[in-house]
């Protein structure tokens, strides 16, 4: 998939655990894992907004496009 999710990179920069992030944005750790591991087929804008707020970043910091 050409869209790469960099949530784990931003979590490391913010020294935040997956459990803490999941709690802050209101999703289950299992769903956060699906997002982090590039297994998600879609993401809600509300979830993306919550991620950006919790990680103090922009959507471009979380999502990247890499040609195959």
N, C-alpha and C. Protein backbone atom coordinates (compact mmCIF):
# COMPACT_ATOMS: atom_id res chain seq x y z
N UNK A 1 0.85 -1.18 0.00
CA UNK A 1 0.00 0.00 0.00
C UNK A 1 0.89 1.24 0.00
N UNK A 2 0.64 2.19 -0.88
CA UNK A 2 1.52 3.35 -0.98
C UNK A 2 1.38 4.37 0.16
N UNK A 3 0.32 4.28 0.96
CA UNK A 3 0.18 5.18 2.12
C UNK A 3 0.85 4.52 3.32
N UNK A 4 1.80 5.21 3.91
CA UNK A 4 2.53 4.69 5.07
C UNK A 4 2.13 5.51 6.30
N UNK A 5 1.80 4.82 7.38
CA UNK A 5 1.39 5.46 8.63
C UNK A 5 2.59 5.52 9.57
N UNK A 6 2.91 6.71 10.05
CA UNK A 6 4.08 6.93 10.91
C UNK A 6 3.71 7.27 12.35
N UNK A 7 2.63 6.69 12.84
CA UNK A 7 2.20 6.98 14.21
C UNK A 7 3.28 6.58 15.21
N UNK A 8 3.91 5.43 14.98
CA UNK A 8 4.92 4.95 15.91
C UNK A 8 6.12 5.90 16.00
N UNK A 9 6.45 6.55 14.89
CA UNK A 9 7.56 7.52 14.89
C UNK A 9 7.21 8.71 15.77
N UNK A 10 5.99 9.22 15.60
CA UNK A 10 5.57 10.37 16.41
C UNK A 10 5.42 9.99 17.88
N UNK A 11 4.95 8.77 18.15
CA UNK A 11 4.85 8.31 19.54
C UNK A 11 6.23 8.26 20.19
N UNK A 12 7.22 7.77 19.45
CA UNK A 12 8.59 7.71 19.99
C UNK A 12 9.13 9.11 20.26
N UNK A 13 8.86 10.03 19.35
CA UNK A 13 9.33 11.42 19.54
C UNK A 13 8.69 12.06 20.77
N UNK A 14 7.43 11.69 21.04
CA UNK A 14 6.71 12.27 22.18
C UNK A 14 6.85 11.42 23.45
N UNK A 15 7.58 10.30 23.32
CA UNK A 15 7.78 9.36 24.44
C UNK A 15 6.44 8.96 25.05
N UNK A 16 5.53 8.52 24.16
CA UNK A 16 4.18 8.15 24.57
C UNK A 16 3.95 6.68 24.25
N UNK A 17 3.36 5.97 25.19
CA UNK A 17 3.06 4.55 24.96
C UNK A 17 1.78 4.41 24.14
N UNK A 18 1.61 3.24 23.55
CA UNK A 18 0.40 2.97 22.76
C UNK A 18 -0.84 3.02 23.64
N UNK A 19 -0.74 2.49 24.84
CA UNK A 19 -1.89 2.51 25.76
C UNK A 19 -2.30 3.93 26.12
N UNK A 20 -1.31 4.78 26.39
CA UNK A 20 -1.60 6.17 26.73
C UNK A 20 -2.24 6.90 25.55
N UNK A 21 -1.69 6.69 24.35
CA UNK A 21 -2.24 7.35 23.17
C UNK A 21 -3.66 6.87 22.90
N UNK A 22 -3.88 5.58 22.96
CA UNK A 22 -5.22 5.03 22.72
C UNK A 22 -6.23 5.64 23.69
N UNK A 23 -5.84 5.76 24.95
CA UNK A 23 -6.74 6.34 25.95
C UNK A 23 -7.01 7.81 25.66
N UNK A 24 -5.98 8.55 25.28
CA UNK A 24 -6.13 9.98 25.00
C UNK A 24 -7.06 10.25 23.81
N UNK A 25 -7.00 9.38 22.79
CA UNK A 25 -7.82 9.64 21.60
C UNK A 25 -9.13 8.88 21.60
N UNK A 26 -9.33 8.01 22.59
CA UNK A 26 -10.62 7.35 22.73
C UNK A 26 -10.84 6.16 21.80
N UNK A 27 -9.78 5.42 21.49
CA UNK A 27 -9.96 4.18 20.72
C UNK A 27 -9.29 3.04 21.49
N UNK A 28 -9.59 1.83 21.11
CA UNK A 28 -9.01 0.68 21.80
C UNK A 28 -7.55 0.51 21.38
N UNK A 29 -6.74 -0.07 22.25
CA UNK A 29 -5.36 -0.35 21.86
C UNK A 29 -5.28 -1.24 20.62
N UNK A 30 -6.24 -2.15 20.45
CA UNK A 30 -6.26 -3.02 19.27
C UNK A 30 -6.46 -2.20 17.99
N UNK A 31 -7.37 -1.23 18.02
CA UNK A 31 -7.59 -0.39 16.84
C UNK A 31 -6.40 0.51 16.57
N UNK A 32 -5.75 1.00 17.61
CA UNK A 32 -4.54 1.80 17.42
C UNK A 32 -3.46 0.94 16.78
N UNK A 33 -3.34 -0.30 17.21
CA UNK A 33 -2.37 -1.21 16.63
C UNK A 33 -2.62 -1.43 15.14
N UNK A 34 -3.87 -1.56 14.76
CA UNK A 34 -4.23 -1.71 13.34
C UNK A 34 -3.76 -0.49 12.55
N UNK A 35 -3.97 0.70 13.11
CA UNK A 35 -3.51 1.92 12.44
C UNK A 35 -1.99 1.96 12.35
N UNK A 36 -1.34 1.70 13.47
CA UNK A 36 0.13 1.78 13.53
C UNK A 36 0.80 0.81 12.57
N UNK A 37 0.22 -0.36 12.41
CA UNK A 37 0.85 -1.41 11.61
C UNK A 37 0.42 -1.41 10.16
N UNK A 38 -0.18 -0.30 9.73
CA UNK A 38 -0.55 -0.12 8.32
C UNK A 38 -1.57 -1.17 7.84
N UNK A 39 -2.43 -1.64 8.73
CA UNK A 39 -3.43 -2.65 8.38
C UNK A 39 -4.80 -2.02 8.14
N UNK A 40 -4.97 -0.75 8.46
CA UNK A 40 -6.27 -0.08 8.31
C UNK A 40 -6.55 0.23 6.85
N UNK A 41 -7.80 0.11 6.47
CA UNK A 41 -8.23 0.45 5.11
C UNK A 41 -8.68 1.91 5.03
N UNK A 42 -9.03 2.48 6.18
CA UNK A 42 -9.52 3.86 6.23
C UNK A 42 -9.29 4.42 7.62
N UNK A 43 -9.39 5.75 7.73
CA UNK A 43 -9.31 6.41 9.03
C UNK A 43 -10.31 7.56 9.02
N UNK A 44 -11.03 7.70 10.09
CA UNK A 44 -11.98 8.81 10.22
C UNK A 44 -11.21 10.11 10.46
N UNK A 45 -11.74 11.19 9.91
CA UNK A 45 -11.11 12.49 10.15
C UNK A 45 -11.11 12.82 11.63
N UNK A 46 -12.13 12.42 12.36
CA UNK A 46 -12.16 12.69 13.80
C UNK A 46 -11.03 11.96 14.52
N UNK A 47 -10.70 10.75 14.08
CA UNK A 47 -9.59 10.01 14.67
C UNK A 47 -8.26 10.66 14.30
N UNK A 48 -8.13 11.06 13.05
CA UNK A 48 -6.92 11.74 12.60
C UNK A 48 -6.72 13.05 13.37
N UNK A 49 -7.81 13.77 13.56
CA UNK A 49 -7.74 15.02 14.34
C UNK A 49 -7.31 14.74 15.77
N UNK A 50 -7.86 13.71 16.40
CA UNK A 50 -7.51 13.36 17.77
C UNK A 50 -6.04 12.95 17.87
N UNK A 51 -5.56 12.19 16.88
CA UNK A 51 -4.15 11.81 16.85
C UNK A 51 -3.25 13.03 16.76
N UNK A 52 -3.60 13.94 15.86
CA UNK A 52 -2.80 15.16 15.70
C UNK A 52 -2.79 16.00 16.98
N UNK A 53 -3.94 16.08 17.63
CA UNK A 53 -4.03 16.85 18.87
C UNK A 53 -3.17 16.20 19.97
N UNK A 54 -3.32 14.90 20.14
CA UNK A 54 -2.59 14.19 21.20
C UNK A 54 -1.09 14.18 20.96
N UNK A 55 -0.67 14.08 19.70
CA UNK A 55 0.75 13.99 19.37
C UNK A 55 1.36 15.35 18.99
N UNK A 56 0.52 16.39 19.01
CA UNK A 56 0.96 17.75 18.69
C UNK A 56 1.70 17.77 17.34
N UNK A 57 0.97 17.33 16.31
CA UNK A 57 1.57 17.27 14.99
C UNK A 57 0.52 17.56 13.93
N UNK A 58 0.91 17.47 12.68
CA UNK A 58 0.01 17.68 11.55
C UNK A 58 -0.22 16.34 10.86
N UNK A 59 -1.31 16.21 10.09
CA UNK A 59 -1.57 14.95 9.38
C UNK A 59 -0.38 14.48 8.54
N UNK A 60 0.34 15.41 7.94
CA UNK A 60 1.49 15.03 7.11
C UNK A 60 2.60 14.39 7.93
N UNK A 61 2.63 14.64 9.25
CA UNK A 61 3.62 14.00 10.10
C UNK A 61 3.26 12.53 10.34
N UNK A 62 1.98 12.19 10.18
CA UNK A 62 1.51 10.84 10.45
C UNK A 62 1.37 9.99 9.20
N UNK A 63 1.10 10.62 8.08
CA UNK A 63 0.83 9.89 6.84
C UNK A 63 1.84 10.29 5.77
N UNK A 64 2.30 9.30 5.02
CA UNK A 64 3.26 9.53 3.96
C UNK A 64 2.84 8.73 2.73
N UNK A 65 3.18 9.21 1.55
CA UNK A 65 2.89 8.50 0.32
C UNK A 65 4.21 8.03 -0.29
N UNK A 66 4.30 6.72 -0.53
CA UNK A 66 5.51 6.13 -1.11
C UNK A 66 5.08 5.33 -2.33
N UNK A 67 5.59 5.71 -3.50
CA UNK A 67 5.24 4.98 -4.71
C UNK A 67 5.78 3.57 -4.67
N UNK A 68 4.99 2.66 -5.17
CA UNK A 68 5.42 1.25 -5.20
C UNK A 68 6.23 0.97 -6.43
